[in-house]
Amino acid sequence: MRDDIQLRDIEPTDLGTFYEHQLDPDATRMAGFRARDRAAFDAHWATNVLGNAEAVNRTILVNGEVAGNIGSWRQDGVRLVGYWIGKDHWGKGVATRALTAFLRVVTERPLYAHVATRNAGSIRVLEKCGFRVEREESIANAGNDGAELVLVLD
C-alpha cells in the first residue's frame, strides 16, 4: 500500500516541523545548506518564503503527517522550485509524488532547480519528473563548497 500524499497551504504550526527537518546534519549535508538557528529560520520564512507574494508554497503531508515542504519562487529572472523532505520520509517516493502534484499547481515553464551534485536522490526525483540537467556550476555558499547542477523543466 502506498502512502497517501497531499499538498496543502502552509499553516503556522508546520514551521516547527520544518525547523526540525533543517536541523538534521545528513539533510543539510545533502542539500548543501547550513541549518539556521530558530530566529534566522523564522525570519527567512517570514520574509523570503511566506512573505513573498510571487512564491507558491505548500506543506507535504504523508497520511496526514507533515513530511516536508515544497515551493516555487522567482529569482534572478527565472522561476525556481525547491523542496525539503524530512529524513523519516526519504527513499519512499514522497518527493517524486509531491513534486509531480506540485507541477500541476505551478505550470509556468521553464522551471529551474538547483541541487548539490552529491544529492543523488534529489537529482533522481527531478529527472523522474521531467527535468533535465542544463549545466553544472561551482558554488561556495554558507555550507556548500563544491558543485551543483542546474536542472530545467521546459
C-alpha atoms as a PDB file:
ATOM      1  CA  MET A   1       0.000   0.000   0.000  1.00  0.00           C
ATOM      2  CA  ARG A   2       1.360   3.424  -0.955  1.00  0.00           C
ATOM      3  CA  ASP A   3       1.286   6.306   1.457  1.00  0.00           C
ATOM      4  CA  ASP A   4      -1.278   9.000   0.765  1.00  0.00           C
ATOM      5  CA  ILE A   5       0.485  12.200  -0.355  1.00  0.00           C
ATOM      6  CA  GLN A   6      -1.288  15.546  -0.153  1.00  0.00           C
ATOM      7  CA  LEU A   7      -0.254  19.154  -0.622  1.00  0.00           C
ATOM      8  CA  ARG A   8      -1.939  21.919   1.356  1.00  0.00           C
ATOM      9  CA  ASP A   9      -1.307  25.537   2.233  1.00  0.00           C
ATOM     10  CA  ILE A  10       1.328  26.037   4.902  1.00  0.00           C
ATOM     11  CA  GLU A  11      -0.061  26.566   8.388  1.00  0.00           C
ATOM     12  CA  PRO A  12       1.882  28.346  11.144  1.00  0.00           C
ATOM     13  CA  THR A  13       2.076  25.117  13.155  1.00  0.00           C
ATOM     14  CA  ASP A  14       4.001  23.449  10.282  1.00  0.00           C
ATOM     15  CA  LEU A  15       7.020  25.696  10.815  1.00  0.00           C
ATOM     16  CA  GLY A  16       8.191  23.817  13.907  1.00  0.00           C
ATOM     17  CA  THR A  17       8.433  20.608  11.903  1.00  0.00           C
ATOM     18  CA  PHE A  18      10.195  22.373   9.023  1.00  0.00           C
ATOM     19  CA  TYR A  19      12.653  23.842  11.522  1.00  0.00           C
ATOM     20  CA  GLU A  20      13.429  20.397  12.930  1.00  0.00           C
ATOM     21  CA  HIS A  21      13.889  18.968   9.422  1.00  0.00           C
ATOM     22  CA  GLN A  22      16.530  21.557   8.545  1.00  0.00           C
ATOM     23  CA  LEU A  23      18.497  20.780  11.725  1.00  0.00           C
ATOM     24  CA  ASP A  24      19.285  17.226  10.590  1.00  0.00           C
ATOM     25  CA  PRO A  25      23.011  17.055   9.728  1.00  0.00           C
ATOM     26  CA  ASP A  26      22.516  14.446   6.975  1.00  0.00           C
ATOM     27  CA  ALA A  27      19.838  16.596   5.344  1.00  0.00           C
ATOM     28  CA  THR A  28      21.896  19.781   5.484  1.00  0.00           C
ATOM     29  CA  ARG A  29      24.909  17.962   4.032  1.00  0.00           C
ATOM     30  CA  MET A  30      22.808  16.595   1.157  1.00  0.00           C
ATOM     31  CA  ALA A  31      21.145  19.939   0.498  1.00  0.00           C
ATOM     32  CA  GLY A  32      24.339  21.944   0.822  1.00  0.00           C
ATOM     33  CA  PHE A  33      22.866  24.421   3.307  1.00  0.00           C
ATOM     34  CA  ARG A  34      23.768  25.120   6.894  1.00  0.00           C
ATOM     35  CA  ALA A  35      20.980  24.856   9.428  1.00  0.00           C
ATOM     36  CA  ARG A  36      19.633  28.154  10.713  1.00  0.00           C
ATOM     37  CA  ASP A  37      19.039  28.954  14.356  1.00  0.00           C
ATOM     38  CA  ARG A  38      15.386  29.492  15.221  1.00  0.00           C
ATOM     39  CA  ALA A  39      15.467  33.285  14.911  1.00  0.00           C
ATOM     40  CA  ALA A  40      17.145  33.173  11.488  1.00  0.00           C
ATOM     41  CA  PHE A  41      14.825  30.372  10.368  1.00  0.00           C
ATOM     42  CA  ASP A  42      11.708  32.314  11.409  1.00  0.00           C
ATOM     43  CA  ALA A  43      12.986  35.497   9.739  1.00  0.00           C
ATOM     44  CA  HIS A  44      13.769  33.639   6.491  1.00  0.00           C
ATOM     45  CA  TRP A  45      10.334  32.040   6.386  1.00  0.00           C
ATOM     46  CA  ALA A  46       8.501  35.243   7.287  1.00  0.00           C
ATOM     47  CA  THR A  47      10.277  37.350   4.672  1.00  0.00           C
ATOM     48  CA  ASN A  48      11.546  35.132   1.861  1.00  0.00           C
ATOM     49  CA  VAL A  49       9.003  32.319   1.841  1.00  0.00           C
ATOM     50  CA  LEU A  50       5.632  33.266   3.299  1.00  0.00           C
ATOM     51  CA  GLY A  51       6.188  36.980   2.741  1.00  0.00           C
ATOM     52  CA  ASN A  52       6.977  36.600  -0.959  1.00  0.00           C
ATOM     53  CA  ALA A  53       3.826  37.409  -2.931  1.00  0.00           C
ATOM     54  CA  GLU A  54       5.181  35.651  -6.047  1.00  0.00           C
ATOM     55  CA  ALA A  55       6.002  32.428  -4.216  1.00  0.00           C
ATOM     56  CA  VAL A  56       3.808  29.340  -4.183  1.00  0.00           C
ATOM     57  CA  ASN A  57       4.417  27.179  -1.109  1.00  0.00           C
ATOM     58  CA  ARG A  58       2.815  24.002   0.147  1.00  0.00           C
ATOM     59  CA  THR A  59       3.153  21.603   3.041  1.00  0.00           C
ATOM     60  CA  ILE A  60       3.646  17.982   2.026  1.00  0.00           C
ATOM     61  CA  LEU A  61       1.520  15.562   4.039  1.00  0.00           C
ATOM     62  CA  VAL A  62       2.011  11.801   4.185  1.00  0.00           C
ATOM     63  CA  ASN A  63      -1.007  10.066   5.675  1.00  0.00           C
ATOM     64  CA  GLY A  64      -1.922  13.372   7.312  1.00  0.00           C
ATOM     65  CA  GLU A  65       1.532  13.907   8.870  1.00  0.00           C
ATOM     66  CA  VAL A  66       3.748  16.859   7.907  1.00  0.00           C
ATOM     67  CA  ALA A  67       6.550  15.302   5.855  1.00  0.00           C
ATOM     68  CA  GLY A  68       8.115  18.401   4.322  1.00  0.00           C
ATOM     69  CA  ASN A  69       7.520  21.416   2.161  1.00  0.00           C
ATOM     70  CA  ILE A  70       7.730  22.403  -1.464  1.00  0.00           C
ATOM     71  CA  GLY A  71       7.787  25.791  -3.078  1.00  0.00           C
ATOM     72  CA  SER A  72       8.420  27.866  -6.145  1.00  0.00           C
ATOM     73  CA  TRP A  73       9.648  31.443  -6.356  1.00  0.00           C
ATOM     74  CA  ARG A  74      11.101  33.898  -8.824  1.00  0.00           C
ATOM     75  CA  GLN A  75      14.825  34.668  -8.524  1.00  0.00           C
ATOM     76  CA  ASP A  76      17.221  36.324 -10.957  1.00  0.00           C
ATOM     77  CA  GLY A  77      14.526  36.447 -13.634  1.00  0.00           C
ATOM     78  CA  VAL A  78      13.618  32.742 -13.559  1.00  0.00           C
ATOM     79  CA  ARG A  79      11.132  30.598 -11.646  1.00  0.00           C
ATOM     80  CA  LEU A  80      12.724  28.074  -9.290  1.00  0.00           C
ATOM     81  CA  VAL A  81      11.384  25.078  -7.413  1.00  0.00           C
ATOM     82  CA  GLY A  82      12.697  23.515  -4.241  1.00  0.00           C
ATOM     83  CA  TYR A  83      11.594  21.039  -1.607  1.00  0.00           C
ATOM     84  CA  TRP A  84      12.711  19.685   1.736  1.00  0.00           C
ATOM     85  CA  ILE A  85      11.589  16.249   2.891  1.00  0.00           C
ATOM     86  CA  GLY A  86      12.026  15.086   6.482  1.00  0.00           C
ATOM     87  CA  LYS A  87      14.561  12.262   6.761  1.00  0.00           C
ATOM     88  CA  ASP A  88      11.917   9.802   8.024  1.00  0.00           C
ATOM     89  CA  HIS A  89      10.323  10.017   4.577  1.00  0.00           C
ATOM     90  CA  TRP A  90      13.418   9.596   2.386  1.00  0.00           C
ATOM     91  CA  GLY A  91      13.533   6.742  -0.103  1.00  0.00           C
ATOM     92  CA  LYS A  92       9.773   6.206  -0.187  1.00  0.00           C
ATOM     93  CA  GLY A  93       8.845   8.169  -3.310  1.00  0.00           C
ATOM     94  CA  VAL A  94       7.416  11.065  -1.291  1.00  0.00           C
ATOM     95  CA  ALA A  95       9.448  13.762  -3.044  1.00  0.00           C
ATOM     96  CA  THR A  96       8.667  12.403  -6.508  1.00  0.00           C
ATOM     97  CA  ARG A  97       4.928  12.225  -5.855  1.00  0.00           C
ATOM     98  CA  ALA A  98       4.874  15.629  -4.145  1.00  0.00           C
ATOM     99  CA  LEU A  99       6.791  17.284  -6.992  1.00  0.00           C
ATOM    100  CA  THR A 100       4.531  15.610  -9.570  1.00  0.00           C
ATOM    101  CA  ALA A 101       1.473  17.045  -7.800  1.00  0.00           C
ATOM    102  CA  PHE A 102       3.128  20.460  -7.361  1.00  0.00           C
ATOM    103  CA  LEU A 103       3.909  20.679 -11.078  1.00  0.00           C
ATOM    104  CA  ARG A 104       0.140  20.692 -11.680  1.00  0.00           C
ATOM    105  CA  VAL A 105      -0.118  23.743  -9.380  1.00  0.00           C
ATOM    106  CA  VAL A 106       2.859  25.674 -10.755  1.00  0.00           C
ATOM    107  CA  THR A 107       2.551  25.445 -14.525  1.00  0.00           C
ATOM    108  CA  GLU A 108       4.975  28.207 -15.546  1.00  0.00           C
ATOM    109  CA  ARG A 109       7.812  26.931 -17.717  1.00  0.00           C
ATOM    110  CA  PRO A 110      10.707  26.867 -17.874  1.00  0.00           C
ATOM    111  CA  LEU A 111      11.087  25.888 -14.232  1.00  0.00           C
ATOM    112  CA  TYR A 112      14.564  25.549 -12.715  1.00  0.00           C
ATOM    113  CA  ALA A 113      16.006  23.626  -9.782  1.00  0.00           C
ATOM    114  CA  HIS A 114      19.454  23.797  -8.207  1.00  0.00           C
ATOM    115  CA  VAL A 115      20.772  20.695  -6.456  1.00  0.00           C
ATOM    116  CA  ALA A 116      24.121  19.785  -4.937  1.00  0.00           C
ATOM    117  CA  THR A 117      25.898  17.226  -7.119  1.00  0.00           C
ATOM    118  CA  ARG A 118      26.226  14.911  -4.093  1.00  0.00           C
ATOM    119  CA  ASN A 119      22.431  14.775  -3.693  1.00  0.00           C
ATOM    120  CA  ALA A 120      21.770  11.819  -5.990  1.00  0.00           C
ATOM    121  CA  GLY A 121      18.293  11.235  -4.557  1.00  0.00           C
ATOM    122  CA  SER A 122      17.075  14.734  -5.375  1.00  0.00           C
ATOM    123  CA  ILE A 123      18.650  14.624  -8.832  1.00  0.00           C
ATOM    124  CA  ARG A 124      16.755  11.385  -9.487  1.00  0.00           C
ATOM    125  CA  VAL A 125      13.479  12.931  -8.256  1.00  0.00           C
ATOM    126  CA  LEU A 126      13.864  15.883 -10.615  1.00  0.00           C
ATOM    127  CA  GLU A 127      14.760  13.689 -13.589  1.00  0.00           C
ATOM    128  CA  LYS A 128      11.782  11.386 -12.920  1.00  0.00           C
ATOM    129  CA  CYS A 129       9.585  14.499 -13.074  1.00  0.00           C
ATOM    130  CA  GLY A 130      10.949  15.525 -16.479  1.00  0.00           C
ATOM    131  CA  PHE A 131      13.752  17.917 -15.518  1.00  0.00           C
ATOM    132  CA  ARG A 132      16.996  17.687 -17.461  1.00  0.00           C
ATOM    133  CA  VAL A 133      20.468  18.812 -16.482  1.00  0.00           C
ATOM    134  CA  GLU A 134      21.250  22.135 -18.103  1.00  0.00           C
ATOM    135  CA  ARG A 135      24.642  22.818 -16.531  1.00  0.00           C
ATOM    136  CA  GLU A 136      26.948  22.335 -13.583  1.00  0.00           C
ATOM    137  CA  GLU A 137      28.126  25.296 -11.528  1.00  0.00           C
ATOM    138  CA  SER A 138      30.838  25.748  -8.934  1.00  0.00           C
ATOM    139  CA  ILE A 139      29.426  27.149  -5.757  1.00  0.00           C
ATOM    140  CA  ALA A 140      30.685  28.468  -2.488  1.00  0.00           C
ATOM    141  CA  ASN A 141      27.969  29.469  -0.073  1.00  0.00           C
ATOM    142  CA  ALA A 142      27.222  29.029   3.587  1.00  0.00           C
ATOM    143  CA  GLY A 143      27.585  25.277   3.925  1.00  0.00           C
ATOM    144  CA  ASN A 144      28.291  24.253   0.370  1.00  0.00           C
ATOM    145  CA  ASP A 145      31.716  24.384  -1.213  1.00  0.00           C
ATOM    146  CA  GLY A 146      31.584  22.269  -4.322  1.00  0.00           C
ATOM    147  CA  ALA A 147      29.304  21.980  -7.284  1.00  0.00           C
ATOM    148  CA  GLU A 148      25.624  21.972  -8.051  1.00  0.00           C
ATOM    149  CA  LEU A 149      23.556  21.022 -11.028  1.00  0.00           C
ATOM    150  CA  VAL A 150      21.031  23.353 -12.562  1.00  0.00           C
ATOM    151  CA  LEU A 151      18.124  21.361 -13.963  1.00  0.00           C
ATOM    152  CA  VAL A 152      15.300  22.703 -16.110  1.00  0.00           C
ATOM    153  CA  LEU A 153      11.783  21.614 -16.980  1.00  0.00           C
ATOM    154  CA  ASP A 154      10.726  23.145 -20.312  1.00  0.00           C
END
